[in-house]
């Protein structure tokens, strides 16, 4: 299986590399580490999260207001659940 670098994952999610790293630290985007300690991402997990972000109507690189942020969080949690149950 080919894994994605943080930069590749950020491109697919239309997010910054730092936001992808933050999602990884928060446990919202599953990460594996290579022998050098670098973060790598399963393309299926990235695509699932990308689909959830698309369904939430969230524009890339924009901050959401408090009310709509809750909806986006619910979408991310649903995507995470799909990732966990598909393993």
PDB file of N, CA and C in Angstrom:
ATOM      1  N   UNK A   1       0.845  -1.171   0.000  1.00  0.00           N
ATOM      2  CA  UNK A   1       0.000   0.000   0.000  1.00  0.00           C
ATOM      3  C   UNK A   1       0.895   1.240   0.000  1.00  0.00           C
ATOM      4  N   UNK A   2       0.539   2.192  -0.833  1.00  0.00           N
ATOM      5  CA  UNK A   2       1.263   3.458  -0.904  1.00  0.00           C
ATOM      6  C   UNK A   2       0.642   4.415   0.107  1.00  0.00           C
ATOM      7  N   UNK A   3       1.465   4.981   0.952  1.00  0.00           N
ATOM      8  CA  UNK A   3       1.004   5.934   1.951  1.00  0.00           C
ATOM      9  C   UNK A   3       1.290   7.353   1.480  1.00  0.00           C
ATOM     10  N   UNK A   4       0.532   8.297   2.012  1.00  0.00           N
ATOM     11  CA  UNK A   4       0.663   9.693   1.610  1.00  0.00           C
ATOM     12  C   UNK A   4       1.493  10.486   2.605  1.00  0.00           C
ATOM     13  N   UNK A   5       2.281  11.399   2.099  1.00  0.00           N
ATOM     14  CA  UNK A   5       3.004  12.332   2.953  1.00  0.00           C
ATOM     15  C   UNK A   5       2.022  13.379   3.461  1.00  0.00           C
ATOM     16  N   UNK A   6       2.396  14.127   4.491  1.00  0.00           N
ATOM     17  CA  UNK A   6       1.515  15.204   4.949  1.00  0.00           C
ATOM     18  C   UNK A   6       1.185  16.205   3.837  1.00  0.00           C
ATOM     19  N   UNK A   7       2.135  16.497   2.989  1.00  0.00           N
ATOM     20  CA  UNK A   7       1.888  17.436   1.885  1.00  0.00           C
ATOM     21  C   UNK A   7       0.855  16.874   0.910  1.00  0.00           C
ATOM     22  N   UNK A   8       0.987  15.586   0.561  1.00  0.00           N
ATOM     23  CA  UNK A   8       0.026  14.967  -0.354  1.00  0.00           C
ATOM     24  C   UNK A   8      -1.370  14.902   0.264  1.00  0.00           C
ATOM     25  N   UNK A   9      -1.421  14.561   1.553  1.00  0.00           N
ATOM     26  CA  UNK A   9      -2.709  14.517   2.247  1.00  0.00           C
ATOM     27  C   UNK A   9      -3.336  15.908   2.286  1.00  0.00           C
ATOM     28  N   UNK A  10      -2.522  16.923   2.537  1.00  0.00           N
ATOM     29  CA  UNK A  10      -3.026  18.305   2.583  1.00  0.00           C
ATOM     30  C   UNK A  10      -3.599  18.714   1.230  1.00  0.00           C
ATOM     31  N   UNK A  11      -2.939  18.335   0.170  1.00  0.00           N
ATOM     32  CA  UNK A  11      -3.447  18.662  -1.173  1.00  0.00           C
ATOM     33  C   UNK A  11      -4.798  18.006  -1.426  1.00  0.00           C
ATOM     34  N   UNK A  12      -4.915  16.738  -1.065  1.00  0.00           N
ATOM     35  CA  UNK A  12      -6.181  16.028  -1.292  1.00  0.00           C
ATOM     36  C   UNK A  12      -7.316  16.580  -0.447  1.00  0.00           C
ATOM     37  N   UNK A  13      -6.975  17.081   0.743  1.00  0.00           N
ATOM     38  CA  UNK A  13      -7.991  17.622   1.645  1.00  0.00           C
ATOM     39  C   UNK A  13      -8.197  19.130   1.449  1.00  0.00           C
ATOM     40  N   UNK A  14      -7.350  19.737   0.629  1.00  0.00           N
ATOM     41  CA  UNK A  14      -7.386  21.180   0.415  1.00  0.00           C
ATOM     42  C   UNK A  14      -7.215  21.925   1.745  1.00  0.00           C
ATOM     43  N   UNK A  15      -6.243  21.451   2.516  1.00  0.00           N
ATOM     44  CA  UNK A  15      -5.898  22.045   3.806  1.00  0.00           C
ATOM     45  C   UNK A  15      -4.410  22.348   3.814  1.00  0.00           C
ATOM     46  N   UNK A  16      -3.973  23.067   4.818  1.00  0.00           N
ATOM     47  CA  UNK A  16      -2.539  23.299   4.985  1.00  0.00           C
ATOM     48  C   UNK A  16      -1.895  22.061   5.609  1.00  0.00           C
ATOM     49  N   UNK A  17      -0.601  21.938   5.429  1.00  0.00           N
ATOM     50  CA  UNK A  17       0.137  20.824   6.031  1.00  0.00           C
ATOM     51  C   UNK A  17       0.023  20.891   7.553  1.00  0.00           C
ATOM     52  N   UNK A  18       0.071  22.094   8.114  1.00  0.00           N
ATOM     53  CA  UNK A  18      -0.019  22.211   9.572  1.00  0.00           C
ATOM     54  C   UNK A  18      -1.387  21.752  10.078  1.00  0.00           C
ATOM     55  N   UNK A  19      -2.459  21.994   9.319  1.00  0.00           N
ATOM     56  CA  UNK A  19      -3.799  21.541   9.736  1.00  0.00           C
ATOM     57  C   UNK A  19      -3.881  20.012   9.664  1.00  0.00           C
ATOM     58  N   UNK A  20      -3.292  19.426   8.649  1.00  0.00           N
ATOM     59  CA  UNK A  20      -3.268  17.963   8.541  1.00  0.00           C
ATOM     60  C   UNK A  20      -2.508  17.378   9.730  1.00  0.00           C
ATOM     61  N   UNK A  21      -1.392  17.981  10.090  1.00  0.00           N
ATOM     62  CA  UNK A  21      -0.626  17.523  11.249  1.00  0.00           C
ATOM     63  C   UNK A  21      -1.448  17.665  12.518  1.00  0.00           C
ATOM     64  N   UNK A  22      -2.181  18.757  12.638  1.00  0.00           N
ATOM     65  CA  UNK A  22      -3.036  18.963  13.803  1.00  0.00           C
ATOM     66  C   UNK A  22      -4.125  17.889  13.871  1.00  0.00           C
ATOM     67  N   UNK A  23      -4.758  17.579  12.753  1.00  0.00           N
ATOM     68  CA  UNK A  23      -5.778  16.523  12.721  1.00  0.00           C
ATOM     69  C   UNK A  23      -5.176  15.189  13.148  1.00  0.00           C
ATOM     70  N   UNK A  24      -3.942  14.957  12.747  1.00  0.00           N
ATOM     71  CA  UNK A  24      -3.246  13.734  13.141  1.00  0.00           C
ATOM     72  C   UNK A  24      -3.005  13.699  14.646  1.00  0.00           C
ATOM     73  N   UNK A  25      -2.503  14.809  15.192  1.00  0.00           N
ATOM     74  CA  UNK A  25      -2.249  14.875  16.641  1.00  0.00           C
ATOM     75  C   UNK A  25      -3.536  14.705  17.436  1.00  0.00           C
ATOM     76  N   UNK A  26      -4.638  15.231  16.918  1.00  0.00           N
ATOM     77  CA  UNK A  26      -5.931  15.127  17.603  1.00  0.00           C
ATOM     78  C   UNK A  26      -6.552  13.741  17.458  1.00  0.00           C
ATOM     79  N   UNK A  27      -5.964  12.888  16.615  1.00  0.00           N
ATOM     80  CA  UNK A  27      -6.510  11.549  16.399  1.00  0.00           C
ATOM     81  C   UNK A  27      -7.642  11.515  15.394  1.00  0.00           C
ATOM     82  N   UNK A  28      -7.853  12.592  14.667  1.00  0.00           N
ATOM     83  CA  UNK A  28      -8.948  12.651  13.697  1.00  0.00           C
ATOM     84  C   UNK A  28      -8.547  12.099  12.333  1.00  0.00           C
ATOM     85  N   UNK A  29      -7.241  11.995  12.095  1.00  0.00           N
ATOM     86  CA  UNK A  29      -6.730  11.438  10.847  1.00  0.00           C
ATOM     87  C   UNK A  29      -5.660  10.415  11.228  1.00  0.00           C
ATOM     88  N   UNK A  30      -5.976   9.138  11.050  1.00  0.00           N
ATOM     89  CA  UNK A  30      -5.036   8.088  11.461  1.00  0.00           C
ATOM     90  C   UNK A  30      -3.677   8.245  10.780  1.00  0.00           C
ATOM     91  N   UNK A  31      -2.647   8.015  11.561  1.00  0.00           N
ATOM     92  CA  UNK A  31      -1.270   8.216  11.105  1.00  0.00           C
ATOM     93  C   UNK A  31      -0.438   6.989  11.412  1.00  0.00           C
ATOM     94  N   UNK A  32       0.475   6.697  10.517  1.00  0.00           N
ATOM     95  CA  UNK A  32       1.531   5.731  10.812  1.00  0.00           C
ATOM     96  C   UNK A  32       2.836   6.492  10.728  1.00  0.00           C
ATOM     97  N   UNK A  33       3.841   5.983  11.379  1.00  0.00           N
ATOM     98  CA  UNK A  33       5.164   6.620  11.357  1.00  0.00           C
ATOM     99  C   UNK A  33       6.144   5.683  10.674  1.00  0.00           C
ATOM    100  N   UNK A  34       7.015   6.258   9.857  1.00  0.00           N
ATOM    101  CA  UNK A  34       8.053   5.441   9.250  1.00  0.00           C
ATOM    102  C   UNK A  34       9.231   5.325  10.219  1.00  0.00           C
ATOM    103  N   UNK A  35      10.298   4.676   9.796  1.00  0.00           N
ATOM    104  CA  UNK A  35      11.436   4.443  10.689  1.00  0.00           C
ATOM    105  C   UNK A  35      12.136   5.738  11.102  1.00  0.00           C
ATOM    106  N   UNK A  36      11.903   6.805  10.373  1.00  0.00           N
ATOM    107  CA  UNK A  36      12.492   8.104  10.705  1.00  0.00           C
ATOM    108  C   UNK A  36      11.536   8.959  11.540  1.00  0.00           C
ATOM    109  N   UNK A  37      10.361   8.418  11.868  1.00  0.00           N
ATOM    110  CA  UNK A  37       9.403   9.144  12.679  1.00  0.00           C
ATOM    111  C   UNK A  37       8.491  10.085  11.908  1.00  0.00           C
ATOM    112  N   UNK A  38       8.551  10.042  10.575  1.00  0.00           N
ATOM    113  CA  UNK A  38       7.713  10.915   9.762  1.00  0.00           C
ATOM    114  C   UNK A  38       6.284  10.374   9.699  1.00  0.00           C
ATOM    115  N   UNK A  39       5.327  11.296   9.679  1.00  0.00           N
ATOM    116  CA  UNK A  39       3.919  10.924   9.587  1.00  0.00           C
ATOM    117  C   UNK A  39       3.584  10.515   8.159  1.00  0.00           C
ATOM    118  N   UNK A  40       2.803   9.449   8.042  1.00  0.00           N
ATOM    119  CA  UNK A  40       2.297   9.001   6.749  1.00  0.00           C
ATOM    120  C   UNK A  40       0.827   8.660   6.921  1.00  0.00           C
ATOM    121  N   UNK A  41       0.059   8.825   5.844  1.00  0.00           N
ATOM    122  CA  UNK A  41      -1.388   8.678   5.923  1.00  0.00           C
ATOM    123  C   UNK A  41      -1.896   7.664   4.910  1.00  0.00           C
ATOM    124  N   UNK A  42      -2.869   6.867   5.352  1.00  0.00           N
ATOM    125  CA  UNK A  42      -3.542   5.907   4.490  1.00  0.00           C
ATOM    126  C   UNK A  42      -4.443   6.694   3.535  1.00  0.00           C
ATOM    127  N   UNK A  43      -4.293   6.491   2.221  1.00  0.00           N
ATOM    128  CA  UNK A  43      -5.122   7.235   1.269  1.00  0.00           C
ATOM    129  C   UNK A  43      -6.622   7.048   1.486  1.00  0.00           C
ATOM    130  N   UNK A  44      -7.028   5.855   1.946  1.00  0.00           N
ATOM    131  CA  UNK A  44      -8.465   5.620   2.194  1.00  0.00           C
ATOM    132  C   UNK A  44      -8.981   6.511   3.310  1.00  0.00           C
ATOM    133  N   UNK A  45      -8.180   6.688   4.367  1.00  0.00           N
ATOM    134  CA  UNK A  45      -8.587   7.551   5.474  1.00  0.00           C
ATOM    135  C   UNK A  45      -8.668   9.005   5.016  1.00  0.00           C
ATOM    136  N   UNK A  46      -7.719   9.408   4.183  1.00  0.00           N
ATOM    137  CA  UNK A  46      -7.722  10.784   3.666  1.00  0.00           C
ATOM    138  C   UNK A  46      -8.944  11.012   2.789  1.00  0.00           C
ATOM    139  N   UNK A  47      -9.254  10.047   1.916  1.00  0.00           N
ATOM    140  CA  UNK A  47     -10.413  10.190   1.029  1.00  0.00           C
ATOM    141  C   UNK A  47     -11.725  10.202   1.822  1.00  0.00           C
ATOM    142  N   UNK A  48     -11.800   9.406   2.878  1.00  0.00           N
ATOM    143  CA  UNK A  48     -12.999   9.400   3.718  1.00  0.00           C
ATOM    144  C   UNK A  48     -13.194  10.748   4.388  1.00  0.00           C
ATOM    145  N   UNK A  49     -12.112  11.307   4.898  1.00  0.00           N
ATOM    146  CA  UNK A  49     -12.195  12.622   5.522  1.00  0.00           C
ATOM    147  C   UNK A  49     -12.523  13.693   4.488  1.00  0.00           C
ATOM    148  N   UNK A  50     -11.948  13.583   3.286  1.00  0.00           N
ATOM    149  CA  UNK A  50     -12.249  14.541   2.220  1.00  0.00           C
ATOM    150  C   UNK A  50     -13.724  14.496   1.858  1.00  0.00           C
ATOM    151  N   UNK A  51     -14.292  13.294   1.782  1.00  0.00           N
ATOM    152  CA  UNK A  51     -15.717  13.164   1.468  1.00  0.00           C
ATOM    153  C   UNK A  51     -16.573  13.773   2.566  1.00  0.00           C
ATOM    154  N   UNK A  52     -16.184  13.572   3.814  1.00  0.00           N
ATOM    155  CA  UNK A  52     -16.940  14.144   4.928  1.00  0.00           C
ATOM    156  C   UNK A  52     -16.870  15.663   4.902  1.00  0.00           C
ATOM    157  N   UNK A  53     -15.720  16.209   4.575  1.00  0.00           N
ATOM    158  CA  UNK A  53     -15.585  17.665   4.493  1.00  0.00           C
ATOM    159  C   UNK A  53     -16.424  18.216   3.356  1.00  0.00           C
ATOM    160  N   UNK A  54     -16.493  17.491   2.248  1.00  0.00           N
ATOM    161  CA  UNK A  54     -17.292  17.936   1.118  1.00  0.00           C
ATOM    162  C   UNK A  54     -18.769  17.940   1.436  1.00  0.00           C
ATOM    163  N   UNK A  55     -19.224  16.968   2.216  1.00  0.00           N
ATOM    164  CA  UNK A  55     -20.627  16.872   2.593  1.00  0.00           C
ATOM    165  C   UNK A  55     -21.009  17.958   3.580  1.00  0.00           C
ATOM    166  N   UNK A  56     -20.030  18.460   4.332  1.00  0.00           N
ATOM    167  CA  UNK A  56     -20.348  19.458   5.347  1.00  0.00           C
ATOM    168  C   UNK A  56     -20.544  20.840   4.749  1.00  0.00           C
ATOM    169  N   UNK A  57     -20.169  21.001   3.477  1.00  0.00           N
ATOM    170  CA  UNK A  57     -20.305  22.294   2.841  1.00  0.00           C
ATOM    171  C   UNK A  57     -19.260  23.299   3.275  1.00  0.00           C
ATOM    172  N   UNK A  58     -18.243  22.833   3.974  1.00  0.00           N
ATOM    173  CA  UNK A  58     -17.205  23.715   4.477  1.00  0.00           C
ATOM    174  C   UNK A  58     -16.284  24.119   3.341  1.00  0.00           C
ATOM    175  N   UNK A  59     -16.086  25.410   3.165  1.00  0.00           N
ATOM    176  CA  UNK A  59     -15.173  25.894   2.134  1.00  0.00           C
ATOM    177  C   UNK A  59     -13.742  25.667   2.594  1.00  0.00           C
ATOM    178  N   UNK A  60     -12.846  25.318   1.687  1.00  0.00           N
ATOM    179  CA  UNK A  60     -11.461  25.096   2.067  1.00  0.00           C
ATOM    180  C   UNK A  60     -10.805  26.364   2.598  1.00  0.00           C
ATOM    181  N   UNK A  61      -9.956  26.198   3.603  1.00  0.00           N
ATOM    182  CA  UNK A  61      -9.172  27.276   4.188  1.00  0.00           C
ATOM    183  C   UNK A  61     -10.013  28.422   4.728  1.00  0.00           C
ATOM    184  N   UNK A  62     -11.221  28.157   5.159  1.00  0.00           N
ATOM    185  CA  UNK A  62     -12.021  29.206   5.774  1.00  0.00           C
ATOM    186  C   UNK A  62     -12.349  28.806   7.189  1.00  0.00           C
ATOM    187  N   UNK A  63     -12.532  29.795   8.018  1.00  0.00           N
ATOM    188  CA  UNK A  63     -12.925  29.522   9.386  1.00  0.00           C
ATOM    189  C   UNK A  63     -14.440  29.528   9.441  1.00  0.00           C
ATOM    190  N   UNK A  64     -14.990  28.609  10.184  1.00  0.00           N
ATOM    191  CA  UNK A  64     -16.433  28.523  10.300  1.00  0.00           C
ATOM    192  C   UNK A  64     -16.883  29.203  11.580  1.00  0.00           C
ATOM    193  N   UNK A  65     -18.136  29.614  11.606  1.00  0.00           N
ATOM    194  CA  UNK A  65     -18.687  30.181  12.823  1.00  0.00           C
ATOM    195  C   UNK A  65     -19.003  29.051  13.779  1.00  0.00           C
ATOM    196  N   UNK A  66     -19.215  29.375  15.026  1.00  0.00           N
ATOM    197  CA  UNK A  66     -19.393  28.368  16.075  1.00  0.00           C
ATOM    198  C   UNK A  66     -20.497  27.379  15.743  1.00  0.00           C
ATOM    199  N   UNK A  67     -21.624  27.824  15.224  1.00  0.00           N
ATOM    200  CA  UNK A  67     -22.741  26.930  14.937  1.00  0.00           C
ATOM    201  C   UNK A  67     -22.433  25.926  13.846  1.00  0.00           C
ATOM    202  N   UNK A  68     -21.808  26.359  12.760  1.00  0.00           N
ATOM    203  CA  UNK A  68     -21.525  25.450  11.662  1.00  0.00           C
ATOM    204  C   UNK A  68     -20.303  24.587  11.956  1.00  0.00           C
ATOM    205  N   UNK A  69     -19.442  25.030  12.851  1.00  0.00           N
ATOM    206  CA  UNK A  69     -18.274  24.248  13.227  1.00  0.00           C
ATOM    207  C   UNK A  69     -18.696  22.939  13.877  1.00  0.00           C
ATOM    208  N   UNK A  70     -19.780  22.967  14.620  1.00  0.00           N
ATOM    209  CA  UNK A  70     -20.295  21.765  15.256  1.00  0.00           C
ATOM    210  C   UNK A  70     -20.691  20.730  14.209  1.00  0.00           C
ATOM    211  N   UNK A  71     -21.338  21.194  13.144  1.00  0.00           N
ATOM    212  CA  UNK A  71     -21.744  20.287  12.068  1.00  0.00           C
ATOM    213  C   UNK A  71     -20.515  19.667  11.398  1.00  0.00           C
ATOM    214  N   UNK A  72     -19.497  20.489  11.145  1.00  0.00           N
ATOM    215  CA  UNK A  72     -18.272  19.981  10.535  1.00  0.00           C
ATOM    216  C   UNK A  72     -17.610  18.952  11.444  1.00  0.00           C
ATOM    217  N   UNK A  73     -17.608  19.193  12.735  1.00  0.00           N
ATOM    218  CA  UNK A  73     -17.034  18.235  13.685  1.00  0.00           C
ATOM    219  C   UNK A  73     -17.790  16.919  13.661  1.00  0.00           C
ATOM    220  N   UNK A  74     -19.102  16.996  13.540  1.00  0.00           N
ATOM    221  CA  UNK A  74     -19.909  15.778  13.466  1.00  0.00           C
ATOM    222  C   UNK A  74     -19.571  14.997  12.205  1.00  0.00           C
ATOM    223  N   UNK A  75     -19.355  15.693  11.095  1.00  0.00           N
ATOM    224  CA  UNK A  75     -18.998  15.029   9.852  1.00  0.00           C
ATOM    225  C   UNK A  75     -17.639  14.340   9.974  1.00  0.00           C
ATOM    226  N   UNK A  76     -16.680  15.003  10.613  1.00  0.00           N
ATOM    227  CA  UNK A  76     -15.355  14.406  10.806  1.00  0.00           C
ATOM    228  C   UNK A  76     -15.468  13.176  11.694  1.00  0.00           C
ATOM    229  N   UNK A  77     -16.266  13.267  12.754  1.00  0.00           N
ATOM    230  CA  UNK A  77     -16.442  12.123  13.643  1.00  0.00           C
ATOM    231  C   UNK A  77     -17.088  10.955  12.910  1.00  0.00           C
ATOM    232  N   UNK A  78     -18.046  11.228  12.035  1.00  0.00           N
ATOM    233  CA  UNK A  78     -18.680  10.166  11.252  1.00  0.00           C
ATOM    234  C   UNK A  78     -17.660   9.515  10.327  1.00  0.00           C
ATOM    235  N   UNK A  79     -16.793  10.326   9.720  1.00  0.00           N
ATOM    236  CA  UNK A  79     -15.760   9.784   8.846  1.00  0.00           C
ATOM    237  C   UNK A  79     -14.784   8.921   9.637  1.00  0.00           C
ATOM    238  N   UNK A  80     -14.428   9.364  10.834  1.00  0.00           N
ATOM    239  CA  UNK A  80     -13.527   8.583  11.683  1.00  0.00           C
ATOM    240  C   UNK A  80     -14.150   7.236  12.030  1.00  0.00           C
ATOM    241  N   UNK A  81     -15.439   7.242  12.325  1.00  0.00           N
ATOM    242  CA  UNK A  81     -16.133   5.997  12.665  1.00  0.00           C
ATOM    243  C   UNK A  81     -16.122   5.039  11.480  1.00  0.00           C
ATOM    244  N   UNK A  82     -16.305   5.566  10.266  1.00  0.00           N
ATOM    245  CA  UNK A  82     -16.268   4.729   9.083  1.00  0.00           C
ATOM    246  C   UNK A  82     -14.885   4.107   8.899  1.00  0.00           C
ATOM    247  N   UNK A  83     -13.849   4.882   9.195  1.00  0.00           N
ATOM    248  CA  UNK A  83     -12.483   4.380   9.080  1.00  0.00           C
ATOM    249  C   UNK A  83     -12.263   3.242  10.072  1.00  0.00           C
ATOM    250  N   UNK A  84     -12.695   3.432  11.300  1.00  0.00           N
ATOM    251  CA  UNK A  84     -12.498   2.430  12.350  1.00  0.00           C
ATOM    252  C   UNK A  84     -13.258   1.152  12.005  1.00  0.00           C
ATOM    253  N   UNK A  85     -14.492   1.272  11.562  1.00  0.00           N
ATOM    254  CA  UNK A  85     -15.305   0.085  11.292  1.00  0.00           C
ATOM    255  C   UNK A  85     -14.894  -0.636  10.018  1.00  0.00           C
ATOM    256  N   UNK A  86     -14.162   0.052   9.118  1.00  0.00           N
ATOM    257  CA  UNK A  86     -13.739  -0.595   7.879  1.00  0.00           C
ATOM    258  C   UNK A  86     -12.465  -1.404   8.038  1.00  0.00           C
ATOM    259  N   UNK A  87     -11.844  -1.331   9.198  1.00  0.00           N
ATOM    260  CA  UNK A  87     -10.580  -2.070   9.419  1.00  0.00           C
ATOM    261  C   UNK A  87     -10.829  -3.497   9.774  1.00  0.00           C
TER     262      UNK A  87
END
